All heavy atoms as atom14 arrays in JSON, in Angstrom:
{
  "sequence": "SSCINDITAMQEMLERQQDLKLHALVLKNEEATKERIGTEFEKRL",
  "atom14_mask": [
    [1, 1, 1, 1, 1, 1, 0, 0, 0, 0, 0, 0, 0, 0],
    [1, 1, 1, 1, 1, 1, 0, 0, 0, 0, 0, 0, 0, 0],
    [1, 1, 1, 1, 1, 1, 0, 0, 0, 0, 0, 0, 0, 0],
    [1, 1, 1, 1, 1, 1, 1, 1, 0, 0, 0, 0, 0, 0],
    [1, 1, 1, 1, 1, 1, 1, 1, 0, 0, 0, 0, 0, 0],
    [1, 1, 1, 1, 1, 1, 1, 1, 0, 0, 0, 0, 0, 0],
    [1, 1, 1, 1, 1, 1, 1, 1, 0, 0, 0, 0, 0, 0],
    [1, 1, 1, 1, 1, 1, 1, 0, 0, 0, 0, 0, 0, 0],
    [1, 1, 1, 1, 1, 0, 0, 0, 0, 0, 0, 0, 0, 0],
    [1, 1, 1, 1, 1, 1, 1, 1, 0, 0, 0, 0, 0, 0],
    [1, 1, 1, 1, 1, 1, 1, 1, 1, 0, 0, 0, 0, 0],
    [1, 1, 1, 1, 1, 1, 1, 1, 1, 0, 0, 0, 0, 0],
    [1, 1, 1, 1, 1, 1, 1, 1, 0, 0, 0, 0, 0, 0],
    [1, 1, 1, 1, 1, 1, 1, 1, 0, 0, 0, 0, 0, 0],
    [1, 1, 1, 1, 1, 1, 1, 1, 1, 0, 0, 0, 0, 0],
    [1, 1, 1, 1, 1, 1, 1, 1, 1, 1, 1, 0, 0, 0],
    [1, 1, 1, 1, 1, 1, 1, 1, 1, 0, 0, 0, 0, 0],
    [1, 1, 1, 1, 1, 1, 1, 1, 1, 0, 0, 0, 0, 0],
    [1, 1, 1, 1, 1, 1, 1, 1, 0, 0, 0, 0, 0, 0],
    [1, 1, 1, 1, 1, 1, 1, 1, 0, 0, 0, 0, 0, 0],
    [1, 1, 1, 1, 1, 1, 1, 1, 1, 0, 0, 0, 0, 0],
    [1, 1, 1, 1, 1, 1, 1, 1, 0, 0, 0, 0, 0, 0],
    [1, 1, 1, 1, 1, 1, 1, 1, 1, 1, 0, 0, 0, 0],
    [1, 1, 1, 1, 1, 0, 0, 0, 0, 0, 0, 0, 0, 0],
    [1, 1, 1, 1, 1, 1, 1, 1, 0, 0, 0, 0, 0, 0],
    [1, 1, 1, 1, 1, 1, 1, 0, 0, 0, 0, 0, 0, 0],
    [1, 1, 1, 1, 1, 1, 1, 1, 0, 0, 0, 0, 0, 0],
    [1, 1, 1, 1, 1, 1, 1, 1, 1, 0, 0, 0, 0, 0],
    [1, 1, 1, 1, 1, 1, 1, 1, 0, 0, 0, 0, 0, 0],
    [1, 1, 1, 1, 1, 1, 1, 1, 1, 0, 0, 0, 0, 0],
    [1, 1, 1, 1, 1, 1, 1, 1, 1, 0, 0, 0, 0, 0],
    [1, 1, 1, 1, 1, 0, 0, 0, 0, 0, 0, 0, 0, 0],
    [1, 1, 1, 1, 1, 1, 1, 0, 0, 0, 0, 0, 0, 0],
    [1, 1, 1, 1, 1, 1, 1, 1, 1, 0, 0, 0, 0, 0],
    [1, 1, 1, 1, 1, 1, 1, 1, 1, 0, 0, 0, 0, 0],
    [1, 1, 1, 1, 1, 1, 1, 1, 1, 1, 1, 0, 0, 0],
    [1, 1, 1, 1, 1, 1, 1, 1, 0, 0, 0, 0, 0, 0],
    [1, 1, 1, 1, 0, 0, 0, 0, 0, 0, 0, 0, 0, 0],
    [1, 1, 1, 1, 1, 1, 1, 0, 0, 0, 0, 0, 0, 0],
    [1, 1, 1, 1, 1, 1, 1, 1, 1, 0, 0, 0, 0, 0],
    [1, 1, 1, 1, 1, 1, 1, 1, 1, 1, 1, 0, 0, 0],
    [1, 1, 1, 1, 1, 1, 1, 1, 1, 0, 0, 0, 0, 0],
    [1, 1, 1, 1, 1, 1, 1, 1, 1, 0, 0, 0, 0, 0],
    [1, 1, 1, 1, 1, 1, 1, 1, 1, 1, 1, 0, 0, 0],
    [1, 1, 1, 1, 1, 1, 1, 1, 0, 0, 0, 0, 0, 0]
  ],
  "atom14_positions": [
    [[97.11, 142.79, 84.01], [97.54, 142.32, 82.73], [96.81, 142.82, 81.47], [97.27, 142.71, 80.31], [97.56, 140.72, 82.61], [96.25, 140.25, 82.8], [0.0, 0.0, 0.0], [0.0, 0.0, 0.0], [0.0, 0.0, 0.0], [0.0, 0.0, 0.0], [0.0, 0.0, 0.0], [0.0, 0.0, 0.0], [0.0, 0.0, 0.0], [0.0, 0.0, 0.0]],
    [[95.69, 143.54, 81.71], [94.89, 143.89, 80.53], [94.53, 145.34, 80.42], [93.8, 145.73, 79.54], [93.62, 143.15, 80.59], [93.72, 141.73, 80.49], [0.0, 0.0, 0.0], [0.0, 0.0, 0.0], [0.0, 0.0, 0.0], [0.0, 0.0, 0.0], [0.0, 0.0, 0.0], [0.0, 0.0, 0.0], [0.0, 0.0, 0.0], [0.0, 0.0, 0.0]],
    [[95.09, 146.15, 81.33], [94.66, 147.62, 81.39], [95.18, 148.29, 80.05], [94.46, 149.2, 79.48], [95.32, 148.25, 82.55], [94.59, 147.56, 83.98], [0.0, 0.0, 0.0], [0.0, 0.0, 0.0], [0.0, 0.0, 0.0], [0.0, 0.0, 0.0], [0.0, 0.0, 0.0], [0.0, 0.0, 0.0], [0.0, 0.0, 0.0], [0.0, 0.0, 0.0]],
    [[96.44, 148.01, 79.65], [96.96, 148.58, 78.37], [96.02, 148.22, 77.18], [95.74, 148.95, 76.35], [98.45, 148.34, 78.16], [99.29, 148.74, 79.24], [98.98, 148.87, 76.84], [99.28, 150.19, 79.63], [0.0, 0.0, 0.0], [0.0, 0.0, 0.0], [0.0, 0.0, 0.0], [0.0, 0.0, 0.0], [0.0, 0.0, 0.0], [0.0, 0.0, 0.0]],
    [[95.73, 146.9, 77.15], [94.89, 146.42, 76.09], [93.43, 147.08, 76.08], [92.95, 147.4, 75.1], [94.64, 144.9, 76.3], [95.86, 144.06, 76.06], [96.85, 144.51, 75.4], [95.88, 142.82, 76.6], [0.0, 0.0, 0.0], [0.0, 0.0, 0.0], [0.0, 0.0, 0.0], [0.0, 0.0, 0.0], [0.0, 0.0, 0.0], [0.0, 0.0, 0.0]],
    [[92.97, 147.37, 77.34], [91.68, 148.03, 77.39], [91.75, 149.38, 76.79], [90.91, 149.82, 76.01], [91.26, 148.25, 78.9], [90.9, 146.89, 79.58], [90.7, 145.95, 78.96], [90.81, 146.96, 80.88], [0.0, 0.0, 0.0], [0.0, 0.0, 0.0], [0.0, 0.0, 0.0], [0.0, 0.0, 0.0], [0.0, 0.0, 0.0], [0.0, 0.0, 0.0]],
    [[92.65, 150.2, 77.16], [92.68, 151.6, 76.52], [93.07, 151.63, 75.04], [92.59, 152.39, 74.35], [93.73, 152.48, 77.34], [95.12, 152.04, 77.18], [93.29, 152.66, 78.82], [96.08, 153.06, 77.72], [0.0, 0.0, 0.0], [0.0, 0.0, 0.0], [0.0, 0.0, 0.0], [0.0, 0.0, 0.0], [0.0, 0.0, 0.0], [0.0, 0.0, 0.0]],
    [[93.91, 150.6, 74.65], [94.06, 150.4, 73.24], [92.88, 150.13, 72.44], [92.59, 150.69, 71.39], [95.3, 149.48, 72.97], [96.42, 149.83, 73.69], [95.54, 149.3, 71.46], [0.0, 0.0, 0.0], [0.0, 0.0, 0.0], [0.0, 0.0, 0.0], [0.0, 0.0, 0.0], [0.0, 0.0, 0.0], [0.0, 0.0, 0.0], [0.0, 0.0, 0.0]],
    [[92.11, 149.13, 72.91], [90.93, 148.81, 72.21], [89.88, 149.98, 72.17], [89.31, 150.12, 71.07], [90.24, 147.57, 72.99], [0.0, 0.0, 0.0], [0.0, 0.0, 0.0], [0.0, 0.0, 0.0], [0.0, 0.0, 0.0], [0.0, 0.0, 0.0], [0.0, 0.0, 0.0], [0.0, 0.0, 0.0], [0.0, 0.0, 0.0], [0.0, 0.0, 0.0]],
    [[89.78, 150.7, 73.26], [88.85, 151.85, 73.2], [89.28, 152.91, 72.14], [88.58, 153.37, 71.46], [88.8, 152.38, 74.61], [87.78, 153.53, 74.72], [86.06, 153.25, 74.28], [85.44, 152.5, 75.66], [0.0, 0.0, 0.0], [0.0, 0.0, 0.0], [0.0, 0.0, 0.0], [0.0, 0.0, 0.0], [0.0, 0.0, 0.0], [0.0, 0.0, 0.0]],
    [[90.56, 153.19, 72.26], [91.17, 154.2, 71.36], [90.87, 153.72, 69.83], [90.43, 154.57, 69.01], [92.59, 154.41, 71.53], [93.25, 155.48, 70.67], [94.72, 155.6, 70.89], [95.33, 154.96, 71.56], [95.27, 156.61, 70.2], [0.0, 0.0, 0.0], [0.0, 0.0, 0.0], [0.0, 0.0, 0.0], [0.0, 0.0, 0.0], [0.0, 0.0, 0.0]],
    [[91.2, 152.5, 69.57], [91.04, 152.02, 68.22], [89.61, 152.05, 67.72], [89.35, 152.39, 66.62], [91.67, 150.6, 68.11], [93.18, 150.59, 68.12], [93.82, 149.2, 68.22], [93.01, 148.17, 68.32], [95.01, 149.05, 68.08], [0.0, 0.0, 0.0], [0.0, 0.0, 0.0], [0.0, 0.0, 0.0], [0.0, 0.0, 0.0], [0.0, 0.0, 0.0]],
    [[88.66, 151.65, 68.68], [87.26, 151.76, 68.33], [86.78, 153.16, 68.02], [86.12, 153.38, 67.01], [86.51, 151.14, 69.51], [84.95, 151.03, 69.15], [83.99, 152.5, 69.58], [84.27, 152.74, 71.29], [0.0, 0.0, 0.0], [0.0, 0.0, 0.0], [0.0, 0.0, 0.0], [0.0, 0.0, 0.0], [0.0, 0.0, 0.0], [0.0, 0.0, 0.0]],
    [[87.31, 154.17, 68.82], [86.91, 155.38, 68.46], [87.49, 156.02, 67.22], [86.85, 156.79, 66.52], [87.21, 156.35, 69.68], [86.39, 156.1, 70.96], [87.02, 156.97, 72.11], [85.04, 156.61, 70.7], [0.0, 0.0, 0.0], [0.0, 0.0, 0.0], [0.0, 0.0, 0.0], [0.0, 0.0, 0.0], [0.0, 0.0, 0.0], [0.0, 0.0, 0.0]],
    [[88.72, 155.59, 66.95], [89.37, 156.04, 65.66], [88.68, 155.55, 64.47], [88.77, 156.16, 63.39], [90.87, 155.56, 65.68], [91.71, 156.35, 66.68], [93.17, 155.75, 66.69], [93.33, 154.54, 66.39], [93.98, 156.44, 67.24], [0.0, 0.0, 0.0], [0.0, 0.0, 0.0], [0.0, 0.0, 0.0], [0.0, 0.0, 0.0], [0.0, 0.0, 0.0]],
    [[87.99, 154.43, 64.56], [87.21, 153.88, 63.42], [85.95, 154.64, 63.16], [85.27, 154.41, 62.07], [86.9, 152.43, 63.57], [88.16, 151.51, 63.47], [87.73, 150.12, 63.45], [87.02, 149.6, 64.69], [87.64, 149.08, 65.67], [88.99, 148.93, 65.76], [86.95, 148.71, 66.74], [0.0, 0.0, 0.0], [0.0, 0.0, 0.0], [0.0, 0.0, 0.0]],
    [[85.49, 155.37, 64.15], [84.17, 156.11, 63.92], [84.3, 157.28, 63.03], [85.03, 158.26, 63.29], [83.67, 156.62, 65.35], [83.58, 155.5, 66.35], [82.64, 154.33, 65.93], [81.57, 154.56, 65.47], [83.25, 153.21, 66.04], [0.0, 0.0, 0.0], [0.0, 0.0, 0.0], [0.0, 0.0, 0.0], [0.0, 0.0, 0.0], [0.0, 0.0, 0.0]],
    [[83.71, 157.25, 61.88], [83.87, 158.24, 60.86], [83.2, 159.58, 61.26], [83.54, 160.64, 60.71], [83.18, 157.79, 59.53], [84.01, 156.59, 58.98], [83.49, 156.19, 57.63], [82.43, 156.64, 57.19], [84.13, 155.14, 57.13], [0.0, 0.0, 0.0], [0.0, 0.0, 0.0], [0.0, 0.0, 0.0], [0.0, 0.0, 0.0], [0.0, 0.0, 0.0]],
    [[82.28, 159.57, 62.23], [81.68, 160.83, 62.6], [82.36, 161.54, 63.77], [81.89, 162.52, 64.33], [80.21, 160.64, 62.94], [79.95, 159.57, 64.01], [80.9, 158.73, 64.25], [78.9, 159.57, 64.62], [0.0, 0.0, 0.0], [0.0, 0.0, 0.0], [0.0, 0.0, 0.0], [0.0, 0.0, 0.0], [0.0, 0.0, 0.0], [0.0, 0.0, 0.0]],
    [[83.51, 161.0, 64.2], [84.32, 161.6, 65.25], [85.71, 161.99, 64.72], [86.34, 161.31, 63.87], [84.49, 160.53, 66.35], [83.2, 159.99, 67.0], [83.7, 159.03, 68.12], [82.34, 161.16, 67.64], [0.0, 0.0, 0.0], [0.0, 0.0, 0.0], [0.0, 0.0, 0.0], [0.0, 0.0, 0.0], [0.0, 0.0, 0.0], [0.0, 0.0, 0.0]],
    [[86.23, 163.08, 65.32], [87.64, 163.44, 65.1], [88.25, 163.32, 66.46], [88.01, 164.17, 67.3], [87.68, 164.84, 64.56], [89.22, 165.26, 64.3], [89.29, 166.49, 63.5], [90.74, 166.86, 63.23], [90.9, 168.1, 62.56], [0.0, 0.0, 0.0], [0.0, 0.0, 0.0], [0.0, 0.0, 0.0], [0.0, 0.0, 0.0], [0.0, 0.0, 0.0]],
    [[89.1, 162.31, 66.61], [89.71, 162.09, 67.88], [91.02, 162.76, 68.1], [91.96, 162.8, 67.23], [89.96, 160.5, 68.01], [90.4, 159.98, 69.36], [89.36, 160.33, 70.46], [90.65, 158.47, 69.21], [0.0, 0.0, 0.0], [0.0, 0.0, 0.0], [0.0, 0.0, 0.0], [0.0, 0.0, 0.0], [0.0, 0.0, 0.0], [0.0, 0.0, 0.0]],
    [[91.14, 163.51, 69.24], [92.3, 164.21, 69.65], [92.77, 163.48, 70.99], [92.21, 163.87, 72.03], [92.04, 165.63, 69.93], [91.33, 166.37, 68.76], [92.08, 166.95, 67.7], [90.08, 166.61, 68.54], [91.24, 167.48, 66.87], [89.94, 167.26, 67.39], [0.0, 0.0, 0.0], [0.0, 0.0, 0.0], [0.0, 0.0, 0.0], [0.0, 0.0, 0.0]],
    [[93.56, 162.56, 70.83], [93.82, 161.64, 72.01], [95.29, 161.7, 72.58], [96.24, 161.85, 71.69], [93.44, 160.2, 71.62], [0.0, 0.0, 0.0], [0.0, 0.0, 0.0], [0.0, 0.0, 0.0], [0.0, 0.0, 0.0], [0.0, 0.0, 0.0], [0.0, 0.0, 0.0], [0.0, 0.0, 0.0], [0.0, 0.0, 0.0], [0.0, 0.0, 0.0]],
    [[95.41, 161.52, 73.72], [96.74, 161.21, 74.43], [96.59, 160.08, 75.2], [95.63, 159.87, 75.94], [97.17, 162.46, 75.37], [98.51, 162.19, 76.09], [99.64, 162.22, 75.07], [98.62, 163.32, 77.2], [0.0, 0.0, 0.0], [0.0, 0.0, 0.0], [0.0, 0.0, 0.0], [0.0, 0.0, 0.0], [0.0, 0.0, 0.0], [0.0, 0.0, 0.0]],
    [[97.68, 159.17, 75.21], [97.62, 157.95, 75.84], [98.8, 157.87, 76.86], [99.96, 158.21, 76.56], [97.89, 156.75, 74.85], [97.91, 155.39, 75.67], [96.73, 156.71, 73.83], [0.0, 0.0, 0.0], [0.0, 0.0, 0.0], [0.0, 0.0, 0.0], [0.0, 0.0, 0.0], [0.0, 0.0, 0.0], [0.0, 0.0, 0.0], [0.0, 0.0, 0.0]],
    [[98.51, 157.53, 78.14], [99.54, 157.54, 79.19], [99.51, 156.05, 79.71], [98.45, 155.55, 80.08], [99.22, 158.46, 80.26], [99.23, 160.0, 79.95], [98.9, 160.79, 81.19], [100.51, 160.36, 79.42], [0.0, 0.0, 0.0], [0.0, 0.0, 0.0], [0.0, 0.0, 0.0], [0.0, 0.0, 0.0], [0.0, 0.0, 0.0], [0.0, 0.0, 0.0]],
    [[100.69, 155.37, 79.73], [100.83, 154.1, 80.1], [101.78, 153.99, 81.19], [102.88, 154.6, 81.23], [101.3, 153.15, 78.96], [100.41, 153.12, 77.81], [100.98, 152.41, 76.62], [100.13, 152.37, 75.33], [100.82, 151.76, 74.24], [0.0, 0.0, 0.0], [0.0, 0.0, 0.0], [0.0, 0.0, 0.0], [0.0, 0.0, 0.0], [0.0, 0.0, 0.0]],
    [[101.42, 153.08, 82.11], [102.3, 152.72, 83.26], [103.0, 153.91, 83.92], [102.33, 154.81, 84.43], [103.31, 151.65, 82.86], [102.54, 150.32, 82.5], [101.62, 149.92, 83.23], [102.93, 149.63, 81.47], [0.0, 0.0, 0.0], [0.0, 0.0, 0.0], [0.0, 0.0, 0.0], [0.0, 0.0, 0.0], [0.0, 0.0, 0.0], [0.0, 0.0, 0.0]],
    [[104.33, 153.96, 83.88], [105.05, 155.04, 84.65], [104.75, 156.36, 84.07], [105.09, 157.42, 84.76], [106.51, 154.68, 84.73], [107.27, 154.78, 83.34], [107.11, 153.47, 82.46], [106.63, 152.42, 82.97], [107.38, 153.66, 81.22], [0.0, 0.0, 0.0], [0.0, 0.0, 0.0], [0.0, 0.0, 0.0], [0.0, 0.0, 0.0], [0.0, 0.0, 0.0]],
    [[104.29, 156.52, 82.83], [103.91, 157.89, 82.39], [102.66, 158.5, 83.1], [102.48, 159.72, 83.11], [103.5, 157.78, 80.84], [104.57, 157.33, 79.96], [104.12, 157.04, 78.55], [102.9, 156.64, 78.39], [104.9, 157.17, 77.56], [0.0, 0.0, 0.0], [0.0, 0.0, 0.0], [0.0, 0.0, 0.0], [0.0, 0.0, 0.0], [0.0, 0.0, 0.0]],
    [[101.91, 157.68, 83.68], [100.51, 157.96, 84.26], [100.72, 158.41, 85.71], [100.11, 157.74, 86.59], [99.59, 156.84, 84.12], [0.0, 0.0, 0.0], [0.0, 0.0, 0.0], [0.0, 0.0, 0.0], [0.0, 0.0, 0.0], [0.0, 0.0, 0.0], [0.0, 0.0, 0.0], [0.0, 0.0, 0.0], [0.0, 0.0, 0.0], [0.0, 0.0, 0.0]],
    [[101.52, 159.44, 86.01], [101.63, 159.89, 87.39], [100.46, 160.82, 87.73], [99.82, 161.35, 86.77], [102.94, 160.76, 87.56], [102.82, 161.91, 86.77], [104.16, 159.93, 87.24], [0.0, 0.0, 0.0], [0.0, 0.0, 0.0], [0.0, 0.0, 0.0], [0.0, 0.0, 0.0], [0.0, 0.0, 0.0], [0.0, 0.0, 0.0], [0.0, 0.0, 0.0]],
    [[100.12, 161.03, 88.94], [99.01, 161.82, 89.33], [99.23, 163.19, 88.87], [98.25, 163.9, 88.36], [98.88, 161.87, 90.82], [97.7, 162.7, 91.35], [97.57, 162.58, 92.9], [96.46, 163.41, 93.33], [96.19, 163.33, 94.8], [0.0, 0.0, 0.0], [0.0, 0.0, 0.0], [0.0, 0.0, 0.0], [0.0, 0.0, 0.0], [0.0, 0.0, 0.0]],
    [[100.48, 163.76, 88.92], [100.82, 165.06, 88.34], [100.6, 165.19, 86.91], [99.9, 166.1, 86.44], [102.25, 165.38, 88.71], [102.6, 166.79, 88.26], [104.04, 167.17, 88.65], [104.77, 166.38, 89.23], [104.42, 168.29, 88.16], [0.0, 0.0, 0.0], [0.0, 0.0, 0.0], [0.0, 0.0, 0.0], [0.0, 0.0, 0.0], [0.0, 0.0, 0.0]],
    [[101.02, 164.22, 86.1], [100.87, 164.29, 84.59], [99.4, 164.17, 84.25], [99.0, 164.85, 83.37], [101.63, 163.06, 84.01], [101.58, 162.96, 82.52], [102.64, 163.77, 81.79], [102.45, 163.94, 80.43], [102.87, 163.04, 79.49], [103.61, 162.12, 79.87], [102.65, 163.28, 78.18], [0.0, 0.0, 0.0], [0.0, 0.0, 0.0], [0.0, 0.0, 0.0]],
    [[98.66, 163.31, 84.91], [97.32, 163.13, 84.62], [96.47, 164.51, 84.89], [95.76, 164.97, 83.98], [96.61, 162.1, 85.39], [97.06, 160.67, 84.94], [95.07, 162.02, 85.27], [96.8, 159.51, 85.9], [0.0, 0.0, 0.0], [0.0, 0.0, 0.0], [0.0, 0.0, 0.0], [0.0, 0.0, 0.0], [0.0, 0.0, 0.0], [0.0, 0.0, 0.0]],
    [[96.84, 165.08, 86.08], [96.23, 166.38, 86.24], [96.56, 167.43, 85.3], [95.71, 168.24, 84.82], [0.0, 0.0, 0.0], [0.0, 0.0, 0.0], [0.0, 0.0, 0.0], [0.0, 0.0, 0.0], [0.0, 0.0, 0.0], [0.0, 0.0, 0.0], [0.0, 0.0, 0.0], [0.0, 0.0, 0.0], [0.0, 0.0, 0.0], [0.0, 0.0, 0.0]],
    [[97.75, 167.47, 84.84], [98.28, 168.46, 83.86], [97.63, 168.28, 82.55], [97.15, 169.14, 81.89], [99.82, 168.4, 83.62], [100.46, 168.72, 84.89], [100.37, 169.25, 82.56], [0.0, 0.0, 0.0], [0.0, 0.0, 0.0], [0.0, 0.0, 0.0], [0.0, 0.0, 0.0], [0.0, 0.0, 0.0], [0.0, 0.0, 0.0], [0.0, 0.0, 0.0]],
    [[97.49, 167.0, 82.03], [96.81, 166.71, 80.83], [95.28, 166.89, 80.83], [94.73, 167.15, 79.83], [97.25, 165.27, 80.32], [98.73, 165.06, 80.14], [99.3, 166.0, 79.04], [98.54, 166.61, 78.21], [100.53, 166.14, 78.98], [0.0, 0.0, 0.0], [0.0, 0.0, 0.0], [0.0, 0.0, 0.0], [0.0, 0.0, 0.0], [0.0, 0.0, 0.0]],
    [[94.75, 166.66, 82.09], [93.3, 167.0, 82.15], [93.02, 168.47, 81.7], [92.24, 168.84, 80.85], [92.87, 166.92, 83.61], [91.9, 165.79, 83.84], [92.3, 164.49, 84.07], [90.53, 166.15, 83.8], [91.31, 163.53, 84.29], [89.56, 165.17, 84.06], [89.95, 163.84, 84.18], [0.0, 0.0, 0.0], [0.0, 0.0, 0.0], [0.0, 0.0, 0.0]],
    [[93.88, 169.35, 82.22], [93.7, 170.72, 81.92], [94.2, 171.13, 80.53], [93.49, 171.84, 79.86], [94.43, 171.65, 83.03], [93.85, 172.95, 83.14], [94.2, 173.59, 84.42], [94.2, 172.9, 85.5], [94.5, 174.78, 84.46], [0.0, 0.0, 0.0], [0.0, 0.0, 0.0], [0.0, 0.0, 0.0], [0.0, 0.0, 0.0], [0.0, 0.0, 0.0]],
    [[95.32, 170.63, 80.21], [96.0, 171.0, 78.97], [95.25, 170.42, 77.72], [94.94, 171.14, 76.78], [97.46, 170.5, 78.95], [98.31, 170.91, 77.79], [99.78, 170.55, 78.08], [100.41, 169.77, 76.95], [101.73, 169.33, 77.3], [0.0, 0.0, 0.0], [0.0, 0.0, 0.0], [0.0, 0.0, 0.0], [0.0, 0.0, 0.0], [0.0, 0.0, 0.0]],
    [[94.94, 169.17, 77.76], [94.43, 168.47, 76.57], [92.84, 168.6, 76.62], [92.18, 168.99, 75.67], [94.74, 167.04, 76.58], [94.02, 166.23, 75.43], [94.77, 164.98, 75.09], [96.21, 165.28, 74.72], [96.59, 165.66, 73.44], [95.74, 165.69, 72.51], [97.84, 165.76, 73.23], [0.0, 0.0, 0.0], [0.0, 0.0, 0.0], [0.0, 0.0, 0.0]],
    [[92.23, 168.13, 77.77], [90.78, 168.19, 77.75], [90.22, 169.57, 77.83], [89.11, 169.84, 77.43], [90.34, 167.32, 78.98], [90.83, 165.86, 78.94], [90.18, 165.15, 80.15], [90.55, 165.12, 77.71], [0.0, 0.0, 0.0], [0.0, 0.0, 0.0], [0.0, 0.0, 0.0], [0.0, 0.0, 0.0], [0.0, 0.0, 0.0], [0.0, 0.0, 0.0]]
  ]
}
């Protein structure tokens, strides 16, 4: 029940940091397939 809340809270906390420029992608529930996570690891990170 709280996993989406966890990642949202972490993203929002990082967005408030003035010394960081966040380039983020969020994958939730059915978007978070093993294949998609692997692709985004390479593509985004």
